[in-house]
Every structure is written in structure tokens, then in C-alpha cells.
Amino acid sequence: MSFIDKLFGKNKETDEVLKSREVFKVVSAYSPVFCDWRGEIYESMLVRAAIDARARHVSKLKVEFRGTAKPNLTAKLKRRPNPWDTWSKFLYRVSTILDCCNNVVIVPIYDDSKNKIGIFPLIPTACKVVKYKNELWLTYKFYSGQKSGACRMHECAILNRFQFKNDFFGEDNKALDETMDLIHIEKQSIKEAIKTTSGFKFWAKSNNFSMEDDLATMADNFSERNFGSEAKKSTKVLLFPNTMSEIHTLDGKPYTPDKEQMELIQQNVYTYFGVNLKILQNSGSSEELSAFYEGFIEPFGIQFSETLTYAIYSDKEVTQGSDIVVTSNRLQYMTFTDKKNFVEGGLDRGILTIDEAREVYNLPPLEDGKGKRFVARGEYYFIQEESEGTTNAD
């Protein structure tokens, strides 16, 4: 069974869907087709660093499955999302595709018996929603242009950024075009500056007319006499005959963007992806990391949880308590002093168990369940209202 067949299942129904010409009509007049930009922005070092920083933090999220629906599939997903990826790699790739394309499609994987055994994120070049036998399907093509696939809409999860005109897909990254052009110009100017300053330039006053061929012949003869017959093929000597005077060197001063301009270009990238230099270089404070969590990681986790829940489970199964939740230990962004104060206050008041306190410091739980106990200082009591309206300590 080929990789494509594992993603879409090998059946005639998929082929019939791909031949369907009935495009699903949406509310907006905008054509419901998403065309990928093929991730050219990922070729920029600064943009790649920003995308990588976001994906690295996303890869630390923990995917949890709750409920009893689809026990066989859920058991497989708890271990890993598919036979080729771990959850950290899977989340990293989903975040990267989402930032590069503003869309990512997560489809089910099938075994030889057409049973679902996992999920996989795709980078299709084009997607559209079609209607087949009164059911919505998502069809897409891949980079090679030779392979196409289709999946029922309710079986795939679609994550978006910048969703506006299209009712299903996010916008492209054209808003970043001007900044990408400036980054390219900046790189070219630095490269040309190095080339310009690596050589010598002269200017001189010509007293008499000299033929270019005569000067070339003189230079070759000089090289051959002093460096051998083969030298004139690779050695170029600059001769100043007596026909020239007032010889001066030219100091090349090529233009390169100044510090303020370069910082402006960088800030455009940081603003577009919601990061800063400290996030990229892993030197952010607990307050900065906490703001980054609330601004990006938490919204990503919510969207990922909701879309994947309804791709895996039916509405009835969700109503009965089955869902997928993505969680993150926000305390990992705290400094050691902040963690110490939090743990001390949480343990004293019986808010945290011993294992929960150990988790803050990335320590394993205690054996035999001993860490599930609460520890509280003795001077704390429960307060309840008496029937007379007074309060007494128990």
C-alpha cells in the first residue's frame, strides 16, 4: 500500500470525488480555492528563525485524549500521531506549515483494511471544497502535480491564519512581500559592498593616446619575463606607462542599510509572526515568555484542540465527553525564583500535590502514588456559614 493510499484510502469513491465538478457554493463571492505560496518565505534566514522559534515552543505542548470513544484509534494516537512521527515532531511540522502557508490540512491515515490508524499534516499546492452525493469533500493536489487526493470534510482538520475572504482557508503571505523584498535588497547590498571593497580602483590623467592592445601586450610580456610563460594566463599586471600621470586610488564607499533601517526590517518580521529577538535567541524573561504564550501558543492550542476533536470524534461522541485537549505547563516559562515562590505558596495552602510541585521543576512523580498527597500548613481551616448567619472555624 503506497503512502498516498495510506493517507486517502485506496477506493473508487476517492477517484469519483476527484472527477466531481460541483464546487461547493459558499456565502462569500470569493472563489473557495486555496493556492499555496510554496513557502518561499522559509528561504529567508530571519523568517525561518521566527517560524522555528514558534514551532519549537509549540512542540512542547501535550496532547491529551479524554473519553471512551474510538478506543482502538485513541490508543494509537496516545502513543504517536502516525507511524512516522512523534507528537513533538508532528506539532513542530503543523506549526511550520501553518506559518509558511497560513493553512494546514490534517488528514487521517488508513491501514490495508481501510481502518484509521493515525493522522498526518499535508502541504498541498491547491485545495478546494466539492460536493459529492450531498457530502462535502476536500480535494487537493501536491507539488509534483501528478498526485491528487480527497478527504471528507468532517474527517480532516483545517487550521488557518489570516482567514478573511475565503470561508474555509486563510489568506496568503503577500502582506509580507515588501518586507521580503527589503530583506533581499539588504542581502544584495552587503554582498556587493564586500565585492566592491575587495579590489583596487585607480584613476589617472592621460597625457598621450595609447592603444589598448599595446597595453595588453606590454602587461603579458612583463608577466612572462618575471613569472614564466604560463603566468600571463592567470596573472594580470596593471601597468602605468609614461603616457599617464597624476595616478590616484579610489576609495569605494558602497551603500549598506544603516542600523535603524535594518532594525525596521527585522521589526516587520517580528510583528508579522508575533516574536522578538529574545524569543529567537532563547533569552526572554518570564514576563516576555508568558506574553508569547498568551499571544500565540495558547490560541494555537485552542484551534488545534477544537479542529482535531471534531475530525476524530462525531458530534455525539463529543457530547458524551470525548475530546482532544492540548495543554502546556505555563510554569516552564517562569524563572527559578518565581517557581520557588509559586511552589511554596501552592503547597502551604493545599493547592498543589507533591507530584504537581515536582513537575514545576521538571522532576518525575514519586513512586507508589505517594506524590498525589496534599501538604498544608496546620493553621489553615475551612470556614462555613452557620444557620444563624455567623461563621465559625471547624
Protein backbone atom coordinates (compact mmCIF):
# COMPACT_ATOMS: atom_id res chain seq x y z
CA MET A 1 0.00 0.00 0.00
CA SER A 2 1.55 3.29 -1.11
CA PHE A 3 1.97 6.38 1.07
CA ILE A 4 -0.79 8.21 -0.84
CA ASP A 5 -3.13 5.25 -0.40
CA LYS A 6 -2.49 5.26 3.36
CA LEU A 7 -3.45 8.93 3.52
CA PHE A 8 -6.66 8.73 1.49
CA GLY A 9 -7.57 5.08 1.34
CA LYS A 10 -7.49 3.12 -1.89
CA ASN A 11 -11.04 3.10 -3.22
CA LYS A 12 -13.11 4.10 -6.23
CA GLU A 13 -15.06 6.67 -4.25
CA THR A 14 -12.00 8.92 -3.91
CA ASP A 15 -11.41 8.78 -7.67
CA GLU A 16 -15.04 9.73 -8.30
CA VAL A 17 -14.78 12.68 -5.93
CA LEU A 18 -11.69 13.98 -7.74
CA LYS A 19 -13.64 13.90 -11.00
CA SER A 20 -16.53 15.84 -9.47
CA ARG A 21 -17.05 19.31 -10.99
CA GLU A 22 -19.57 20.57 -8.44
CA VAL A 23 -17.75 23.19 -6.38
CA PHE A 24 -19.47 23.89 -3.09
CA LYS A 25 -21.09 27.32 -3.08
CA VAL A 26 -20.15 29.50 -0.12
CA VAL A 27 -21.54 32.71 1.33
CA SER A 28 -18.78 34.94 0.02
CA ALA A 29 -18.33 35.58 -3.69
CA TYR A 30 -14.66 34.77 -3.28
CA SER A 31 -13.66 31.56 -5.07
CA PRO A 32 -13.28 28.81 -2.44
CA VAL A 33 -9.86 27.66 -3.62
CA PHE A 34 -6.67 27.91 -1.63
CA CYS A 35 -3.38 28.07 -3.55
CA ASP A 36 -0.20 27.58 -1.58
CA TRP A 37 2.71 30.01 -1.98
CA ARG A 38 5.06 27.03 -1.68
CA GLY A 39 6.77 28.52 1.36
CA GLU A 40 9.31 30.79 -0.32
CA ILE A 41 9.37 32.89 2.85
CA TYR A 42 11.03 29.93 4.59
CA GLU A 43 14.15 30.55 2.49
CA SER A 44 14.88 33.75 4.40
CA MET A 45 17.12 33.19 7.42
CA LEU A 46 15.30 35.73 9.62
CA VAL A 47 11.84 34.43 8.70
CA ARG A 48 12.95 30.83 9.18
CA ALA A 49 14.32 31.69 12.63
CA ALA A 50 10.98 33.29 13.59
CA ILE A 51 8.99 30.29 12.34
CA ASP A 52 11.38 27.88 14.04
CA ALA A 53 11.07 29.70 17.39
CA ARG A 54 7.29 29.43 17.27
CA ALA A 55 7.38 25.78 16.23
CA ARG A 56 9.87 24.84 18.96
CA HIS A 57 7.55 26.19 21.65
CA VAL A 58 4.51 24.51 20.07
CA SER A 59 6.34 21.17 20.02
CA LYS A 60 6.36 21.24 23.84
CA LEU A 61 2.56 21.09 24.02
CA LYS A 62 1.00 17.95 25.46
CA VAL A 63 -1.85 16.29 23.54
CA GLU A 64 -4.37 14.54 25.81
CA PHE A 65 -7.34 12.36 24.85
CA ARG A 66 -10.39 12.26 27.09
CA GLY A 67 -13.42 9.99 26.94
CA THR A 68 -14.02 6.43 25.79
CA ALA A 69 -14.96 6.87 22.11
CA LYS A 70 -12.99 5.03 19.39
CA PRO A 71 -10.76 3.13 21.86
CA ASN A 72 -8.55 1.46 19.22
CA LEU A 73 -7.76 4.67 17.32
CA THR A 74 -7.39 6.70 20.53
CA ALA A 75 -4.94 4.14 21.95
CA LYS A 76 -2.76 4.51 18.85
CA LEU A 77 -2.94 8.32 18.91
CA LYS A 78 -1.96 8.46 22.58
CA ARG A 79 1.36 6.85 21.69
CA ARG A 80 2.08 8.77 18.47
CA PRO A 81 0.09 10.57 15.74
CA ASN A 82 1.25 8.26 12.93
CA PRO A 83 3.83 5.51 12.29
CA TRP A 84 6.49 8.03 11.26
CA ASP A 85 6.26 10.93 13.75
CA THR A 86 6.29 11.60 17.45
CA TRP A 87 3.88 14.20 18.84
CA SER A 88 6.66 16.79 19.25
CA LYS A 89 7.73 16.39 15.60
CA PHE A 90 4.11 16.42 14.48
CA LEU A 91 3.29 19.65 16.33
CA TYR A 92 6.51 21.28 15.08
CA ARG A 93 5.60 20.50 11.47
CA VAL A 94 2.00 21.63 11.85
CA SER A 95 3.15 24.98 13.25
CA THR A 96 5.75 25.40 10.48
CA ILE A 97 3.29 24.63 7.67
CA LEU A 98 0.73 26.97 9.23
CA ASP A 99 3.20 29.87 9.37
CA CYS A 100 4.51 29.30 5.84
CA CYS A 101 1.16 28.72 4.13
CA ASN A 102 -1.38 30.14 6.63
CA ASN A 103 -3.22 26.82 6.18
CA VAL A 104 -2.53 23.24 7.18
CA VAL A 105 -4.72 20.21 6.50
CA ILE A 106 -4.54 17.22 8.85
CA VAL A 107 -5.92 14.05 7.24
CA PRO A 108 -6.48 10.50 8.54
CA ILE A 109 -4.15 7.59 7.73
CA TYR A 110 -5.55 4.16 6.84
CA ASP A 111 -4.22 0.60 7.06
CA ASP A 112 -4.75 -2.11 4.46
CA SER A 113 -8.21 -2.79 5.85
CA LYS A 114 -9.19 0.88 5.49
CA ASN A 115 -9.16 1.41 9.24
CA LYS A 116 -7.86 4.73 10.59
CA ILE A 117 -4.51 4.32 12.29
CA GLY A 118 -3.32 7.92 12.65
CA ILE A 119 -3.24 11.45 11.27
CA PHE A 120 -0.81 13.35 9.03
CA PRO A 121 -0.31 17.07 8.15
CA LEU A 122 -0.23 17.92 4.43
CA ILE A 123 1.28 20.71 2.32
CA PRO A 124 -0.94 20.68 -0.77
CA THR A 125 -0.44 23.17 -3.57
CA ALA A 126 -4.16 23.71 -4.08
CA CYS A 127 -7.32 22.88 -2.15
CA LYS A 128 -10.99 23.24 -2.92
CA VAL A 129 -14.24 22.10 -1.38
CA VAL A 130 -16.50 19.99 -3.61
CA LYS A 131 -19.92 18.45 -3.13
CA TYR A 132 -20.28 14.76 -3.86
CA LYS A 133 -23.51 12.82 -3.15
CA ASN A 134 -24.72 15.59 -0.82
CA GLU A 135 -21.50 15.37 1.21
CA LEU A 136 -18.64 17.87 1.43
CA TRP A 137 -15.18 16.70 0.41
CA LEU A 138 -11.81 18.46 0.40
CA THR A 139 -9.70 17.81 -2.69
CA TYR A 140 -6.06 18.83 -3.17
CA LYS A 141 -3.02 18.45 -5.37
CA PHE A 142 0.62 18.06 -4.45
CA TYR A 143 3.81 19.76 -5.69
CA SER A 144 4.53 17.16 -8.32
CA GLY A 145 1.14 17.81 -9.91
CA GLN A 146 0.81 14.09 -10.60
CA LYS A 147 -0.90 13.16 -7.34
CA SER A 148 -4.24 14.30 -6.03
CA GLY A 149 -6.26 13.33 -3.00
CA ALA A 150 -9.65 13.78 -1.41
CA CYS A 151 -10.97 13.54 2.11
CA ARG A 152 -14.36 14.04 3.70
CA MET A 153 -14.53 17.45 5.32
CA HIS A 154 -15.65 16.08 8.68
CA GLU A 155 -12.66 13.69 8.76
CA CYS A 156 -9.94 16.30 8.26
CA ALA A 157 -8.83 19.22 10.41
CA ILE A 158 -8.07 22.58 8.78
CA LEU A 159 -6.05 25.17 10.73
CA ASN A 160 -5.86 28.73 9.43
CA ARG A 161 -4.20 32.09 9.91
CA PHE A 162 -5.46 35.41 8.48
CA GLN A 163 -8.82 33.98 7.42
CA PHE A 164 -10.85 36.73 5.74
CA LYS A 165 -12.13 36.44 2.16
CA ASN A 166 -12.35 32.67 1.95
CA ASP A 167 -14.90 30.82 4.07
CA PHE A 168 -12.59 27.84 4.55
CA PHE A 169 -8.97 28.91 4.05
CA GLY A 170 -6.63 31.64 5.27
CA GLU A 171 -5.03 34.33 3.13
CA ASP A 172 -1.59 34.08 1.54
CA ASN A 173 1.54 35.91 2.74
CA LYS A 174 1.50 38.73 0.17
CA ALA A 175 1.38 41.22 3.03
CA LEU A 176 4.97 40.21 3.73
CA ASP A 177 6.15 40.77 0.13
CA GLU A 178 7.54 44.27 0.66
CA THR A 179 9.48 43.19 3.73
CA MET A 180 10.83 40.15 1.87
CA ASP A 181 11.96 42.47 -0.95
CA LEU A 182 13.77 44.68 1.55
CA ILE A 183 15.46 41.66 3.10
CA HIS A 184 16.62 40.58 -0.37
CA ILE A 185 17.91 44.07 -1.18
CA GLU A 186 19.70 44.21 2.16
CA LYS A 187 21.48 40.92 1.47
CA GLN A 188 22.45 42.01 -2.04
CA SER A 189 23.79 45.36 -0.87
CA ILE A 190 26.01 43.70 1.72
CA LYS A 191 27.26 41.21 -0.87
CA GLU A 192 28.02 43.96 -3.38
CA ALA A 193 29.73 46.01 -0.68
CA ILE A 194 32.12 43.14 0.02
CA LYS A 195 32.86 42.75 -3.70
CA THR A 196 33.41 46.48 -4.17
CA THR A 197 35.82 46.91 -1.27
CA SER A 198 37.83 43.75 -2.05
CA GLY A 199 39.59 45.25 -5.11
CA PHE A 200 41.64 48.32 -6.04
CA LYS A 201 40.47 51.14 -8.27
CA PHE A 202 42.55 53.93 -9.79
CA TRP A 203 42.11 56.98 -11.90
CA ALA A 204 44.83 58.74 -13.91
CA LYS A 205 45.34 61.58 -16.33
CA SER A 206 46.23 60.51 -19.88
CA ASN A 207 48.96 62.65 -21.48
CA ASN A 208 49.04 60.84 -24.82
CA PHE A 209 46.84 58.36 -26.61
CA SER A 210 47.69 54.67 -26.08
CA MET A 211 46.19 51.67 -27.82
CA GLU A 212 44.52 49.07 -25.58
CA ASP A 213 46.17 46.23 -27.50
CA ASP A 214 49.61 47.74 -26.88
CA LEU A 215 48.98 47.97 -23.12
CA ALA A 216 47.74 44.36 -23.02
CA THR A 217 50.82 43.18 -24.89
CA MET A 218 53.11 45.06 -22.51
CA ALA A 219 51.36 43.51 -19.49
CA ASP A 220 51.68 39.98 -20.92
CA ASN A 221 55.37 40.48 -21.72
CA PHE A 222 56.01 41.77 -18.19
CA SER A 223 54.29 38.73 -16.65
CA GLU A 224 56.12 36.26 -18.89
CA ARG A 225 59.59 37.71 -18.22
CA ASN A 226 59.11 37.82 -14.44
CA PHE A 227 56.80 34.91 -13.65
CA GLY A 228 57.14 32.46 -16.56
CA SER A 229 55.32 31.72 -19.79
CA GLU A 230 52.24 30.30 -18.05
CA ALA A 231 51.86 33.29 -15.74
CA LYS A 232 50.31 35.55 -18.34
CA LYS A 233 47.27 33.24 -18.49
CA SER A 234 46.39 33.78 -14.82
CA THR A 235 48.38 36.84 -13.71
CA LYS A 236 47.18 40.31 -14.62
CA VAL A 237 49.58 43.18 -14.07
CA LEU A 238 48.43 46.79 -14.01
CA LEU A 239 50.89 48.97 -15.94
CA PHE A 240 51.02 52.73 -15.84
CA PRO A 241 53.00 53.88 -18.89
CA ASN A 242 54.56 57.28 -19.10
CA THR A 243 51.57 58.42 -21.09
CA MET A 244 49.67 58.65 -17.77
CA SER A 245 50.20 60.97 -14.83
CA GLU A 246 48.54 62.02 -11.57
CA ILE A 247 47.62 58.45 -10.62
CA HIS A 248 45.27 58.22 -7.62
CA THR A 249 43.40 55.43 -5.84
CA LEU A 250 39.64 55.46 -5.49
CA ASP A 251 38.16 54.64 -2.08
CA GLY A 252 34.95 52.72 -2.66
CA LYS A 253 32.19 53.61 -0.22
CA PRO A 254 29.30 51.30 -1.13
CA TYR A 255 25.86 51.83 0.35
CA THR A 256 24.64 49.43 3.00
CA PRO A 257 21.50 49.80 5.14
CA ASP A 258 22.19 51.58 8.40
CA LYS A 259 21.36 50.12 11.79
CA GLU A 260 17.97 51.83 12.06
CA GLN A 261 16.86 50.57 8.65
CA MET A 262 17.95 47.01 9.40
CA GLU A 263 16.12 47.08 12.74
CA LEU A 264 12.98 48.32 10.99
CA ILE A 265 13.09 45.38 8.57
CA GLN A 266 13.58 42.97 11.46
CA GLN A 267 10.71 44.52 13.41
CA ASN A 268 8.41 43.98 10.43
CA VAL A 269 9.17 40.24 10.54
CA TYR A 270 8.85 40.12 14.33
CA THR A 271 5.48 41.88 14.18
CA TYR A 272 4.16 39.62 11.44
CA PHE A 273 4.99 36.44 13.38
CA GLY A 274 4.47 37.78 16.90
CA VAL A 275 8.02 37.20 18.17
CA ASN A 276 11.01 39.29 19.20
CA LEU A 277 14.78 38.94 19.23
CA LYS A 278 14.85 37.49 22.74
CA ILE A 279 12.35 34.78 21.79
CA LEU A 280 14.51 33.87 18.79
CA GLN A 281 17.68 33.72 20.88
CA ASN A 282 16.08 31.97 23.88
CA SER A 283 16.91 34.81 26.25
CA GLY A 284 13.42 36.11 27.07
CA SER A 285 12.35 36.83 30.64
CA SER A 286 9.46 35.03 32.31
CA GLU A 287 7.17 38.00 31.59
CA GLU A 288 8.13 38.06 27.90
CA LEU A 289 7.72 34.30 27.54
CA SER A 290 4.39 34.42 29.32
CA ALA A 291 3.18 37.12 26.89
CA PHE A 292 4.39 34.98 23.98
CA TYR A 293 2.45 32.03 25.40
CA GLU A 294 -0.78 34.01 25.67
CA GLY A 295 -0.35 35.67 22.28
CA PHE A 296 0.50 32.61 20.19
CA ILE A 297 0.86 29.25 21.91
CA GLU A 298 -2.47 29.33 23.74
CA PRO A 299 -4.53 30.39 20.65
CA PHE A 300 -2.74 27.73 18.58
CA GLY A 301 -3.53 25.09 21.20
CA ILE A 302 -7.20 26.05 21.28
CA GLN A 303 -7.59 25.93 17.49
CA PHE A 304 -5.66 22.66 17.25
CA SER A 305 -7.74 21.05 20.02
CA GLU A 306 -11.10 22.08 18.60
CA THR A 307 -10.46 21.23 14.94
CA LEU A 308 -8.81 17.88 15.70
CA THR A 309 -11.56 16.90 18.17
CA TYR A 310 -14.26 17.15 15.51
CA ALA A 311 -12.04 15.47 12.91
CA ILE A 312 -11.57 12.42 15.15
CA TYR A 313 -14.88 12.21 17.02
CA SER A 314 -18.51 12.63 15.97
CA ASP A 315 -20.82 15.24 17.48
CA LYS A 316 -22.48 12.53 19.58
CA GLU A 317 -19.12 11.29 20.90
CA VAL A 318 -18.09 14.84 21.79
CA THR A 319 -21.38 15.37 23.62
CA GLN A 320 -20.70 12.21 25.61
CA GLY A 321 -17.36 13.60 26.80
CA SER A 322 -14.75 12.54 24.24
CA ASP A 323 -12.42 15.27 23.06
CA ILE A 324 -8.78 16.20 22.49
CA VAL A 325 -7.12 18.81 24.68
CA VAL A 326 -3.73 20.42 24.13
CA THR A 327 -2.15 21.62 27.35
CA SER A 328 1.06 23.36 28.30
CA ASN A 329 2.75 23.83 31.62
CA ARG A 330 2.91 27.61 31.69
CA LEU A 331 5.19 27.40 34.71
CA GLN A 332 8.04 26.30 32.45
CA TYR A 333 8.34 29.96 31.41
CA MET A 334 8.96 31.14 34.98
CA THR A 335 12.34 31.93 36.45
CA PHE A 336 13.63 29.71 39.24
CA THR A 337 12.70 32.34 41.86
CA ASP A 338 9.16 32.60 40.50
CA LYS A 339 8.83 28.81 40.52
CA LYS A 340 10.08 28.64 44.12
CA ASN A 341 7.56 31.23 45.32
CA PHE A 342 4.72 29.55 43.43
CA VAL A 343 5.50 26.08 44.78
CA GLU A 344 5.88 27.29 48.36
CA GLY A 345 2.55 29.12 48.27
CA GLY A 346 0.76 26.26 46.49
CA LEU A 347 1.98 23.57 48.87
CA ASP A 348 1.32 25.59 52.02
CA ARG A 349 -2.31 26.15 51.08
CA GLY A 350 -3.02 22.65 49.78
CA ILE A 351 -3.45 23.85 46.18
CA LEU A 352 -0.72 21.61 44.73
CA THR A 353 0.07 17.96 45.31
CA ILE A 354 3.65 16.88 45.85
CA ASP A 355 3.85 15.50 42.29
CA GLU A 356 2.44 18.72 40.84
CA ALA A 357 5.07 20.68 42.71
CA ARG A 358 7.79 18.34 41.42
CA GLU A 359 6.51 18.78 37.86
CA VAL A 360 7.20 22.52 38.10
CA TYR A 361 10.89 21.67 38.49
CA ASN A 362 10.71 19.01 35.72
CA LEU A 363 11.08 16.22 38.27
CA PRO A 364 9.38 12.80 37.93
CA PRO A 365 6.48 11.84 40.24
CA LEU A 366 7.14 9.86 43.39
CA GLU A 367 6.75 6.09 43.31
CA ASP A 368 3.70 4.20 44.62
CA GLY A 369 1.49 7.27 44.29
CA LYS A 370 2.98 8.96 47.34
CA GLY A 371 3.23 12.24 45.46
CA LYS A 372 -0.55 12.52 44.97
CA ARG A 373 -0.99 13.75 48.54
CA PHE A 374 -1.63 17.37 49.53
CA VAL A 375 0.51 19.11 52.12
CA ALA A 376 -0.93 22.08 54.00
CA ARG A 377 0.14 24.15 56.99
CA GLY A 378 -1.85 23.45 60.17
CA GLU A 379 -3.15 26.96 60.81
CA TYR A 380 -5.44 26.93 57.76
CA TYR A 381 -9.09 25.94 58.43
CA PHE A 382 -12.30 25.65 56.46
CA ILE A 383 -14.84 28.40 57.17
CA GLN A 384 -18.56 27.68 56.79
CA GLU A 385 -21.66 29.66 57.50
CA GLU A 386 -23.85 28.61 60.44
CA SER A 387 -27.62 28.72 60.23
CA GLU A 388 -27.63 31.88 62.37
CA GLY A 389 -25.51 33.64 59.73
CA THR A 390 -22.34 33.64 61.84
CA THR A 391 -19.08 31.93 60.80
CA ASN A 392 -17.03 29.63 62.98
CA ALA A 393 -13.94 27.63 62.37
CA ASP A 394 -14.31 23.82 62.22
